[in-house]
C-alpha atoms as a PDB file:
ATOM      1  CA  MET A   1      65.774  82.239  78.941  1.00  0.00           C
ATOM      2  CA  ALA A   2      69.337  81.124  78.402  1.00  0.00           C
ATOM      3  CA  ARG A   3      68.265  78.758  75.739  1.00  0.00           C
ATOM      4  CA  GLN A   4      66.437  81.360  73.998  1.00  0.00           C
ATOM      5  CA  SER A   5      69.524  83.515  73.909  1.00  0.00           C
ATOM      6  CA  VAL A   6      71.360  80.977  71.620  1.00  0.00           C
ATOM      7  CA  PRO A   7      69.414  81.523  68.373  1.00  0.00           C
ATOM      8  CA  GLY A   8      69.384  85.358  68.973  1.00  0.00           C
ATOM      9  CA  TRP A   9      73.262  85.257  68.829  1.00  0.00           C
ATOM     10  CA  ALA A  10      73.592  82.878  65.995  1.00  0.00           C
ATOM     11  CA  PRO A  11      73.551  85.242  63.180  1.00  0.00           C
ATOM     12  CA  LEU A  12      76.053  87.408  65.214  1.00  0.00           C
ATOM     13  CA  ILE A  13      78.294  84.381  65.527  1.00  0.00           C
ATOM     14  CA  THR A  14      77.991  83.273  62.073  1.00  0.00           C
ATOM     15  CA  ALA A  15      78.733  86.936  60.526  1.00  0.00           C
ATOM     16  CA  GLY A  16      81.337  87.402  63.222  1.00  0.00           C
ATOM     17  CA  THR A  17      83.087  84.213  62.375  1.00  0.00           C
ATOM     18  CA  ALA A  18      83.052  84.713  58.699  1.00  0.00           C
ATOM     19  CA  THR A  19      84.739  88.457  59.214  1.00  0.00           C
ATOM     20  CA  LEU A  20      87.439  86.699  61.235  1.00  0.00           C
ATOM     21  CA  ALA A  21      88.059  84.017  58.499  1.00  0.00           C
ATOM     22  CA  LEU A  22      89.052  87.109  56.352  1.00  0.00           C
ATOM     23  CA  TYR A  23      91.377  88.321  58.933  1.00  0.00           C
ATOM     24  CA  ALA A  24      93.032  84.953  59.450  1.00  0.00           C
ATOM     25  CA  PRO A  25      96.304  85.913  57.744  1.00  0.00           C
ATOM     26  CA  VAL A  26      96.567  89.220  59.893  1.00  0.00           C
ATOM     27  CA  LEU A  27      95.915  87.281  63.030  1.00  0.00           C
ATOM     28  CA  ALA A  28      98.534  84.625  62.058  1.00  0.00           C
ATOM     29  CA  GLY A  29     100.924  87.560  61.556  1.00  0.00           C
ATOM     30  CA  MET A  30     100.073  89.028  65.060  1.00  0.00           C
ATOM     31  CA  ALA A  31     100.349  85.945  66.629  1.00  0.00           C
ATOM     32  CA  ALA A  32     104.045  85.600  65.316  1.00  0.00           C
ATOM     33  CA  ASP A  33     104.898  88.843  66.823  1.00  0.00           C
ATOM     34  CA  TRP A  34     103.400  87.989  70.068  1.00  0.00           C
ATOM     35  CA  ALA A  35     105.416  84.893  70.222  1.00  0.00           C
ATOM     36  CA  ARG A  36     108.675  86.695  69.034  1.00  0.00           C
ATOM     37  CA  PHE A  37     108.763  89.911  71.040  1.00  0.00           C
ATOM     38  CA  PRO A  38     108.218  89.524  74.938  1.00  0.00           C
ATOM     39  CA  SER A  39     106.863  93.059  75.248  1.00  0.00           C
ATOM     40  CA  GLN A  40     103.991  92.100  72.965  1.00  0.00           C
ATOM     41  CA  SER A  41     103.031  88.565  74.580  1.00  0.00           C
ATOM     42  CA  HIS A  42     100.204  90.090  76.260  1.00  0.00           C
ATOM     43  CA  GLY A  43      98.407  89.979  72.626  1.00  0.00           C
ATOM     44  CA  PHE A  44      97.801  86.258  73.547  1.00  0.00           C
ATOM     45  CA  ALA A  45      95.528  87.413  76.442  1.00  0.00           C
ATOM     46  CA  VAL A  46      93.741  90.200  74.912  1.00  0.00           C
ATOM     47  CA  PRO A  47      91.170  87.964  72.941  1.00  0.00           C
ATOM     48  CA  VAL A  48      90.502  85.910  76.040  1.00  0.00           C
ATOM     49  CA  ILE A  49      89.476  88.942  78.153  1.00  0.00           C
ATOM     50  CA  SER A  50      87.613  90.413  75.071  1.00  0.00           C
ATOM     51  CA  ALA A  51      85.524  87.415  74.951  1.00  0.00           C
ATOM     52  CA  TYR A  52      85.110  87.553  78.662  1.00  0.00           C
ATOM     53  CA  LEU A  53      83.871  91.098  78.647  1.00  0.00           C
ATOM     54  CA  ILE A  54      81.350  90.150  75.822  1.00  0.00           C
ATOM     55  CA  TRP A  55      80.085  87.224  77.643  1.00  0.00           C
ATOM     56  CA  THR A  56      79.493  89.057  80.944  1.00  0.00           C
ATOM     57  CA  ARG A  57      77.682  91.854  79.096  1.00  0.00           C
ATOM     58  CA  ARG A  58      75.720  89.615  76.797  1.00  0.00           C
ATOM     59  CA  GLY A  59      72.329  89.985  78.592  1.00  0.00           C
ATOM     60  CA  THR A  60      68.945  88.619  77.514  1.00  0.00           C
ATOM     61  CA  ALA A  61      68.072  91.270  74.838  1.00  0.00           C
ATOM     62  CA  ALA A  62      69.713  88.893  72.078  1.00  0.00           C
ATOM     63  CA  SER A  63      66.924  86.425  72.637  1.00  0.00           C
ATOM     64  CA  GLY A  64      64.818  88.655  70.700  1.00  0.00           C
ATOM     65  CA  LEU A  65      64.836  90.014  66.925  1.00  0.00           C
ATOM     66  CA  PRO A  66      67.383  92.417  66.228  1.00  0.00           C
ATOM     67  CA  ASP A  67      66.320  96.198  66.501  1.00  0.00           C
ATOM     68  CA  SER A  68      68.105  97.282  63.378  1.00  0.00           C
ATOM     69  CA  SER A  69      66.610 100.087  61.441  1.00  0.00           C
ATOM     70  CA  LEU A  70      67.481 101.118  57.713  1.00  0.00           C
ATOM     71  CA  ALA A  71      69.826 103.772  59.056  1.00  0.00           C
ATOM     72  CA  THR A  72      71.809 101.711  61.634  1.00  0.00           C
ATOM     73  CA  MET A  73      72.102  98.916  59.140  1.00  0.00           C
ATOM     74  CA  SER A  74      73.418 101.550  56.655  1.00  0.00           C
ATOM     75  CA  ILE A  75      75.992 102.928  59.227  1.00  0.00           C
ATOM     76  CA  GLY A  76      77.041  99.260  60.106  1.00  0.00           C
ATOM     77  CA  LEU A  77      77.469  98.445  56.439  1.00  0.00           C
ATOM     78  CA  ALA A  78      79.500 101.443  56.190  1.00  0.00           C
ATOM     79  CA  ALA A  79      81.742 100.481  59.002  1.00  0.00           C
ATOM     80  CA  LEU A  80      82.247  96.968  57.833  1.00  0.00           C
ATOM     81  CA  VAL A  81      83.189  98.159  54.185  1.00  0.00           C
ATOM     82  CA  THR A  82      85.377 100.781  55.791  1.00  0.00           C
ATOM     83  CA  GLY A  83      87.191  98.209  58.025  1.00  0.00           C
ATOM     84  CA  LEU A  84      87.451  95.727  54.972  1.00  0.00           C
ATOM     85  CA  GLY A  85      88.828  98.318  52.707  1.00  0.00           C
ATOM     86  CA  ALA A  86      91.439  99.253  55.209  1.00  0.00           C
ATOM     87  CA  LEU A  87      92.382  95.514  55.304  1.00  0.00           C
ATOM     88  CA  LEU A  88      92.650  95.365  51.687  1.00  0.00           C
ATOM     89  CA  ILE A  89      94.911  98.462  51.557  1.00  0.00           C
ATOM     90  CA  GLY A  90      96.945  97.477  54.269  1.00  0.00           C
ATOM     91  CA  SER A  91      97.570  93.985  53.010  1.00  0.00           C
ATOM     92  CA  LEU A  92      98.316  95.146  49.238  1.00  0.00           C
ATOM     93  CA  SER A  93     100.599  98.018  50.460  1.00  0.00           C
ATOM     94  CA  GLY A  94     102.342  96.293  53.172  1.00  0.00           C
ATOM     95  CA  GLU A  95     100.903  98.448  55.969  1.00  0.00           C
ATOM     96  CA  THR A  96     100.237  95.935  58.445  1.00  0.00           C
ATOM     97  CA  PHE A  97      99.398  98.133  61.231  1.00  0.00           C
ATOM     98  CA  LEU A  98      96.466  99.556  59.134  1.00  0.00           C
ATOM     99  CA  ALA A  99      95.189  96.015  58.305  1.00  0.00           C
ATOM    100  CA  ARG A 100      95.467  94.867  61.880  1.00  0.00           C
ATOM    101  CA  ILE A 101      93.596  97.969  63.269  1.00  0.00           C
ATOM    102  CA  SER A 102      90.606  97.793  60.905  1.00  0.00           C
ATOM    103  CA  MET A 103      89.602  94.295  62.536  1.00  0.00           C
ATOM    104  CA  PRO A 104      87.689  95.772  65.570  1.00  0.00           C
ATOM    105  CA  LEU A 105      85.944  98.429  63.170  1.00  0.00           C
ATOM    106  CA  ALA A 106      84.813  95.636  60.638  1.00  0.00           C
ATOM    107  CA  LEU A 107      83.429  93.444  63.615  1.00  0.00           C
ATOM    108  CA  LEU A 108      81.587  96.640  65.018  1.00  0.00           C
ATOM    109  CA  GLY A 109      80.247  97.074  61.810  1.00  0.00           C
ATOM    110  CA  VAL A 110      79.028  93.583  61.550  1.00  0.00           C
ATOM    111  CA  VAL A 111      77.464  93.785  65.127  1.00  0.00           C
ATOM    112  CA  LEU A 112      75.522  96.819  64.161  1.00  0.00           C
ATOM    113  CA  PHE A 113      74.277  95.682  60.729  1.00  0.00           C
ATOM    114  CA  VAL A 114      73.374  92.385  62.110  1.00  0.00           C
ATOM    115  CA  GLY A 115      72.230  92.997  65.758  1.00  0.00           C
ATOM    116  CA  GLY A 116      71.532  96.591  65.804  1.00  0.00           C
ATOM    117  CA  PRO A 117      72.290  99.057  68.557  1.00  0.00           C
ATOM    118  CA  ALA A 118      71.208  96.913  71.589  1.00  0.00           C
ATOM    119  CA  ALA A 119      73.960  94.317  70.450  1.00  0.00           C
ATOM    120  CA  VAL A 120      76.377  97.031  70.237  1.00  0.00           C
ATOM    121  CA  ARG A 121      75.843  98.381  73.514  1.00  0.00           C
ATOM    122  CA  ARG A 122      76.714  94.630  74.815  1.00  0.00           C
ATOM    123  CA  VAL A 123      79.661  94.123  72.858  1.00  0.00           C
ATOM    124  CA  TRP A 124      81.550  97.310  71.942  1.00  0.00           C
ATOM    125  CA  VAL A 125      83.484  97.293  75.173  1.00  0.00           C
ATOM    126  CA  GLY A 126      85.003  93.818  74.419  1.00  0.00           C
ATOM    127  CA  LEU A 127      85.513  94.782  70.719  1.00  0.00           C
ATOM    128  CA  ALA A 128      87.359  98.095  71.789  1.00  0.00           C
ATOM    129  CA  TYR A 129      89.583  96.000  73.963  1.00  0.00           C
ATOM    130  CA  LEU A 130      90.999  93.971  70.959  1.00  0.00           C
ATOM    131  CA  LEU A 131      92.908  97.214  69.943  1.00  0.00           C
ATOM    132  CA  PHE A 132      95.323  96.339  72.768  1.00  0.00           C
ATOM    133  CA  MET A 133      96.406  93.192  70.754  1.00  0.00           C
ATOM    134  CA  VAL A 134      97.589  95.145  67.894  1.00  0.00           C
ATOM    135  CA  PRO A 135     101.468  95.970  68.041  1.00  0.00           C
ATOM    136  CA  LEU A 136     102.500  99.519  67.496  1.00  0.00           C
ATOM    137  CA  PRO A 137     104.331 100.469  64.226  1.00  0.00           C
ATOM    138  CA  TYR A 138     108.023  99.456  64.630  1.00  0.00           C
ATOM    139  CA  LEU A 139     109.350 103.051  63.880  1.00  0.00           C
ATOM    140  CA  THR A 140     107.281 104.703  66.386  1.00  0.00           C
ATOM    141  CA  VAL A 141     108.144 102.110  68.959  1.00  0.00           C
ATOM    142  CA  LYS A 142     111.936 102.679  68.124  1.00  0.00           C
ATOM    143  CA  ILE A 143     111.767 106.395  68.541  1.00  0.00           C
ATOM    144  CA  LEU A 144     109.881 106.326  71.677  1.00  0.00           C
ATOM    145  CA  THR A 145     112.122 103.558  73.111  1.00  0.00           C
ATOM    146  CA  TYR A 146     115.090 105.581  72.759  1.00  0.00           C
ATOM    147  CA  GLN A 147     113.713 108.712  74.279  1.00  0.00           C
ATOM    148  CA  SER A 148     112.504 106.456  77.159  1.00  0.00           C
ATOM    149  CA  ARG A 149     116.031 105.218  77.649  1.00  0.00           C
ATOM    150  CA  LEU A 150     117.355 108.492  77.925  1.00  0.00           C
ATOM    151  CA  LEU A 151     114.659 109.607  80.550  1.00  0.00           C
ATOM    152  CA  ASP A 152     115.146 106.369  82.609  1.00  0.00           C
ATOM    153  CA  ALA A 153     119.038 106.959  82.612  1.00  0.00           C
ATOM    154  CA  GLY A 154     118.581 110.518  83.573  1.00  0.00           C
ATOM    155  CA  ILE A 155     116.271 109.794  86.607  1.00  0.00           C
ATOM    156  CA  THR A 156     118.106 106.722  87.681  1.00  0.00           C
ATOM    157  CA  ALA A 157     121.437 108.652  87.689  1.00  0.00           C
ATOM    158  CA  ALA A 158     119.590 111.522  89.720  1.00  0.00           C
ATOM    159  CA  ALA A 159     118.294 109.037  92.241  1.00  0.00           C
ATOM    160  CA  LEU A 160     121.654 107.489  92.782  1.00  0.00           C
ATOM    161  CA  ARG A 161     123.354 110.729  93.420  1.00  0.00           C
ATOM    162  CA  ARG A 162     120.601 111.391  96.045  1.00  0.00           C
ATOM    163  CA  LEU A 163     121.644 108.067  97.604  1.00  0.00           C
ATOM    164  CA  GLY A 164     125.326 109.092  97.551  1.00  0.00           C
ATOM    165  CA  VAL A 165     126.406 106.773  94.734  1.00  0.00           C
ATOM    166  CA  PRO A 166     128.823 108.428  92.214  1.00  0.00           C
ATOM    167  CA  VAL A 167     127.632 108.120  88.725  1.00  0.00           C
ATOM    168  CA  LEU A 168     128.091 109.739  85.390  1.00  0.00           C
ATOM    169  CA  GLN A 169     125.389 109.604  82.827  1.00  0.00           C
ATOM    170  CA  ASP A 170     126.455 109.600  79.137  1.00  0.00           C
ATOM    171  CA  GLY A 171     123.262 109.202  77.185  1.00  0.00           C
ATOM    172  CA  VAL A 172     121.964 105.852  77.937  1.00  0.00           C
ATOM    173  CA  MET A 173     125.154 104.756  79.510  1.00  0.00           C
ATOM    174  CA  LEU A 174     125.775 105.017  83.254  1.00  0.00           C
ATOM    175  CA  HIS A 175     129.361 105.102  84.454  1.00  0.00           C
ATOM    176  CA  LEU A 176     130.005 103.924  88.083  1.00  0.00           C
ATOM    177  CA  PRO A 177     133.339 103.521  89.749  1.00  0.00           C
ATOM    178  CA  ASN A 178     133.378  99.749  89.416  1.00  0.00           C
ATOM    179  CA  ILE A 179     131.141  99.008  86.297  1.00  0.00           C
ATOM    180  CA  THR A 180     129.685 100.659  83.349  1.00  0.00           C
ATOM    181  CA  LEU A 181     125.966  99.805  82.663  1.00  0.00           C
ATOM    182  CA  GLU A 182     123.675 100.518  79.663  1.00  0.00           C
ATOM    183  CA  VAL A 183     119.964 101.308  79.906  1.00  0.00           C
ATOM    184  CA  ALA A 184     119.157  98.756  76.979  1.00  0.00           C
ATOM    185  CA  GLU A 185     115.957  98.556  75.053  1.00  0.00           C
ATOM    186  CA  ASP A 186     114.867  95.648  77.113  1.00  0.00           C
ATOM    187  CA  CYS A 187     115.303  97.820  80.169  1.00  0.00           C
ATOM    188  CA  SER A 188     112.783 100.389  78.794  1.00  0.00           C
ATOM    189  CA  SER A 189     109.183 100.089  79.550  1.00  0.00           C
ATOM    190  CA  VAL A 190     107.872 101.880  76.396  1.00  0.00           C
ATOM    191  CA  PRO A 191     107.531  98.702  74.460  1.00  0.00           C
ATOM    192  CA  ALA A 192     105.321  97.344  77.221  1.00  0.00           C
ATOM    193  CA  ILE A 193     103.228 100.553  77.455  1.00  0.00           C
ATOM    194  CA  ALA A 194     100.478  98.943  75.429  1.00  0.00           C
ATOM    195  CA  ALA A 195     100.492  95.790  77.695  1.00  0.00           C
ATOM    196  CA  LEU A 196     100.398  98.097  80.854  1.00  0.00           C
ATOM    197  CA  ILE A 197      97.259 100.053  79.476  1.00  0.00           C
ATOM    198  CA  ALA A 198      95.502  96.772  78.774  1.00  0.00           C
ATOM    199  CA  LEU A 199      96.312  95.525  82.201  1.00  0.00           C
ATOM    200  CA  GLY A 200      94.880  98.634  83.674  1.00  0.00           C
ATOM    201  CA  VAL A 201      91.676  98.642  81.512  1.00  0.00           C
ATOM    202  CA  ALA A 202      91.171  94.679  82.198  1.00  0.00           C
ATOM    203  CA  TYR A 203      91.748  95.305  85.990  1.00  0.00           C
ATOM    204  CA  ALA A 204      89.131  98.087  86.029  1.00  0.00           C
ATOM    205  CA  LEU A 205      86.537  96.369  83.963  1.00  0.00           C
ATOM    206  CA  LEU A 206      86.565  93.003  85.571  1.00  0.00           C
ATOM    207  CA  ARG A 207      84.819  94.046  88.579  1.00  0.00           C
ATOM    208  CA  PRO A 208      81.924  96.396  89.102  1.00  0.00           C
ATOM    209  CA  ARG A 209      83.237  99.927  89.969  1.00  0.00           C
ATOM    210  CA  PRO A 210      82.198 103.565  89.569  1.00  0.00           C
ATOM    211  CA  VAL A 211      82.927 105.063  86.111  1.00  0.00           C
ATOM    212  CA  TRP A 212      85.415 107.496  87.611  1.00  0.00           C
ATOM    213  CA  SER A 213      87.201 104.856  89.575  1.00  0.00           C
ATOM    214  CA  ARG A 214      87.590 102.780  86.187  1.00  0.00           C
ATOM    215  CA  ILE A 215      88.809 105.474  84.312  1.00  0.00           C
ATOM    216  CA  THR A 216      91.480 106.499  87.095  1.00  0.00           C
ATOM    217  CA  LEU A 217      92.681 102.821  87.228  1.00  0.00           C
ATOM    218  CA  ALA A 218      92.854 102.408  83.438  1.00  0.00           C
ATOM    219  CA  LEU A 219      94.848 105.809  83.215  1.00  0.00           C
ATOM    220  CA  ALA A 220      97.194 105.001  86.190  1.00  0.00           C
ATOM    221  CA  ALA A 221      98.530 101.563  84.859  1.00  0.00           C
ATOM    222  CA  ALA A 222     101.163 103.091  82.310  1.00  0.00           C
ATOM    223  CA  PRO A 223     102.499 105.692  84.799  1.00  0.00           C
ATOM    224  CA  LEU A 224     102.521 103.226  87.591  1.00  0.00           C
ATOM    225  CA  GLY A 225     104.382 100.702  85.248  1.00  0.00           C
ATOM    226  CA  LEU A 226     107.008 103.341  84.311  1.00  0.00           C
ATOM    227  CA  LEU A 227     107.385 104.053  87.974  1.00  0.00           C
ATOM    228  CA  ALA A 228     107.947 100.413  88.746  1.00  0.00           C
ATOM    229  CA  ASN A 229     110.532 100.061  85.944  1.00  0.00           C
ATOM    230  CA  ILE A 230     112.526 103.113  87.162  1.00  0.00           C
ATOM    231  CA  ALA A 231     112.612 101.498  90.714  1.00  0.00           C
ATOM    232  CA  ARG A 232     113.810  98.357  89.122  1.00  0.00           C
ATOM    233  CA  LEU A 233     116.591 100.164  87.311  1.00  0.00           C
ATOM    234  CA  ILE A 234     117.645 101.889  90.599  1.00  0.00           C
ATOM    235  CA  VAL A 235     117.799  98.678  92.497  1.00  0.00           C
ATOM    236  CA  THR A 236     119.570  96.797  89.798  1.00  0.00           C
ATOM    237  CA  VAL A 237     122.268  99.714  89.410  1.00  0.00           C
ATOM    238  CA  LEU A 238     122.628 100.131  93.004  1.00  0.00           C
ATOM    239  CA  ALA A 239     123.225  96.355  93.592  1.00  0.00           C
ATOM    240  CA  ALA A 240     125.898  96.540  90.789  1.00  0.00           C
ATOM    241  CA  TYR A 241     127.620  99.282  92.766  1.00  0.00           C
ATOM    242  CA  LEU A 242     127.655  97.591  96.146  1.00  0.00           C
ATOM    243  CA  VAL A 243     128.086  93.915  94.980  1.00  0.00           C
ATOM    244  CA  GLY A 244     129.643  93.975  91.314  1.00  0.00           C
ATOM    245  CA  PRO A 245     128.655  92.493  87.896  1.00  0.00           C
ATOM    246  CA  VAL A 246     127.218  89.477  89.647  1.00  0.00           C
ATOM    247  CA  ALA A 247     124.131  91.506  90.652  1.00  0.00           C
ATOM    248  CA  ILE A 248     123.137  91.908  86.756  1.00  0.00           C
ATOM    249  CA  GLY A 249     122.128  88.202  86.950  1.00  0.00           C
ATOM    250  CA  ASN A 250     119.336  88.735  89.717  1.00  0.00           C
ATOM    251  CA  VAL A 251     115.973  87.775  89.229  1.00  0.00           C
ATOM    252  CA  ILE A 252     114.650  91.411  89.038  1.00  0.00           C
ATOM    253  CA  HIS A 253     116.941  92.126  85.994  1.00  0.00           C
ATOM    254  CA  GLN A 254     116.691  88.919  84.079  1.00  0.00           C
ATOM    255  CA  PHE A 255     112.905  88.933  84.411  1.00  0.00           C
ATOM    256  CA  ALA A 256     112.497  92.632  83.843  1.00  0.00           C
ATOM    257  CA  GLY A 257     108.909  92.352  82.438  1.00  0.00           C
ATOM    258  CA  THR A 258     107.662  90.135  84.956  1.00  0.00           C
ATOM    259  CA  THR A 259     108.922  92.330  87.682  1.00  0.00           C
ATOM    260  CA  VAL A 260     107.235  95.293  86.217  1.00  0.00           C
ATOM    261  CA  PHE A 261     103.930  93.774  85.684  1.00  0.00           C
ATOM    262  CA  LEU A 262     103.732  92.118  89.232  1.00  0.00           C
ATOM    263  CA  ALA A 263     104.707  95.449  90.787  1.00  0.00           C
ATOM    264  CA  THR A 264     102.102  97.312  88.590  1.00  0.00           C
ATOM    265  CA  ILE A 265      99.410  94.910  89.853  1.00  0.00           C
ATOM    266  CA  LEU A 266     100.462  95.550  93.364  1.00  0.00           C
ATOM    267  CA  LEU A 267     100.399  99.421  92.919  1.00  0.00           C
ATOM    268  CA  LEU A 268      96.844  99.118  91.051  1.00  0.00           C
ATOM    269  CA  ARG A 269      95.699  97.111  93.936  1.00  0.00           C
ATOM    270  CA  GLY A 270      96.937  99.693  96.363  1.00  0.00           C
ATOM    271  CA  LEU A 271      95.411 102.494  94.325  1.00  0.00           C
ATOM    272  CA  ASP A 272      92.172 100.435  94.230  1.00  0.00           C
ATOM    273  CA  ARG A 273      91.834 100.293  97.874  1.00  0.00           C
ATOM    274  CA  MET A 274      92.432 103.782  98.097  1.00  0.00           C
ATOM    275  CA  LEU A 275      89.718 104.776  95.412  1.00  0.00           C
ATOM    276  CA  THR A 276      87.381 102.446  97.141  1.00  0.00           C
ATOM    277  CA  ARG A 277      87.823 104.251 100.623  1.00  0.00           C
ATOM    278  CA  LEU A 278      87.387 107.758  98.901  1.00  0.00           C
ATOM    279  CA  SER A 279      84.203 106.563  97.254  1.00  0.00           C
ATOM    280  CA  GLY A 280      82.680 105.549 100.679  1.00  0.00           C
ATOM    281  CA  PRO A 281      80.530 102.411 101.565  1.00  0.00           C
ATOM    282  CA  ARG A 282      78.900 100.727  98.742  1.00  0.00           C
ATOM    283  CA  ARG A 283      74.972 100.817  98.427  1.00  0.00           C
END
């Protein structure tokens, strides 16, 4: 059975590879952004997870002939043309986000045109996951990041006052008796929102779970990441107040992204266990 599935997938693999070849400059540009900006480095892992999701859902239907009809082939061709049209417009106009976001649509059109609905049912999850590797538009991230910095500074200041620490908030600046700290862009978790959501979706999909549990885990990743980042800020500022500027060089502060991700994974794990208990014993 496994040997028979290879010829069935061959047309899809060939057509998909040809489509990806058209996106080679776009993929190279995204890879450069992933390497340049730490908050986008999760992009390197997204294609690997996507390929794994497709592989685990490949089934055995691909060993037969595609079940495409004229209608489904027309829809697939329309999706492919729309995706490639967005690629052309985005590339010529400099709208890199449009060019990048069109790739999953073009690949979905290829799968529907060549393999039909049966193939789409097996690969759409993996193709949709590719959206997480597309960096958000710079201006959008810039605006959201500043608003997040203000929110983070306000929550941190309020928490410190509850702990008896005298602190004065001035925008994104936190004035303590012995030091003034800034909630910088690197301290905000907004640039990593896409990575946090991708983490939650991957965590939810990589193991069999009820649909409601998967949705809960996927939606909870970003809020849990924001919570972990707030906790990191509070600990860092409190340490700076108690110890002094030397506390800014601690591991929690220097490796902010890693700290937030590890904390988010632990929180997701705890939420997963709670949801498992709520769902009762498995059948």
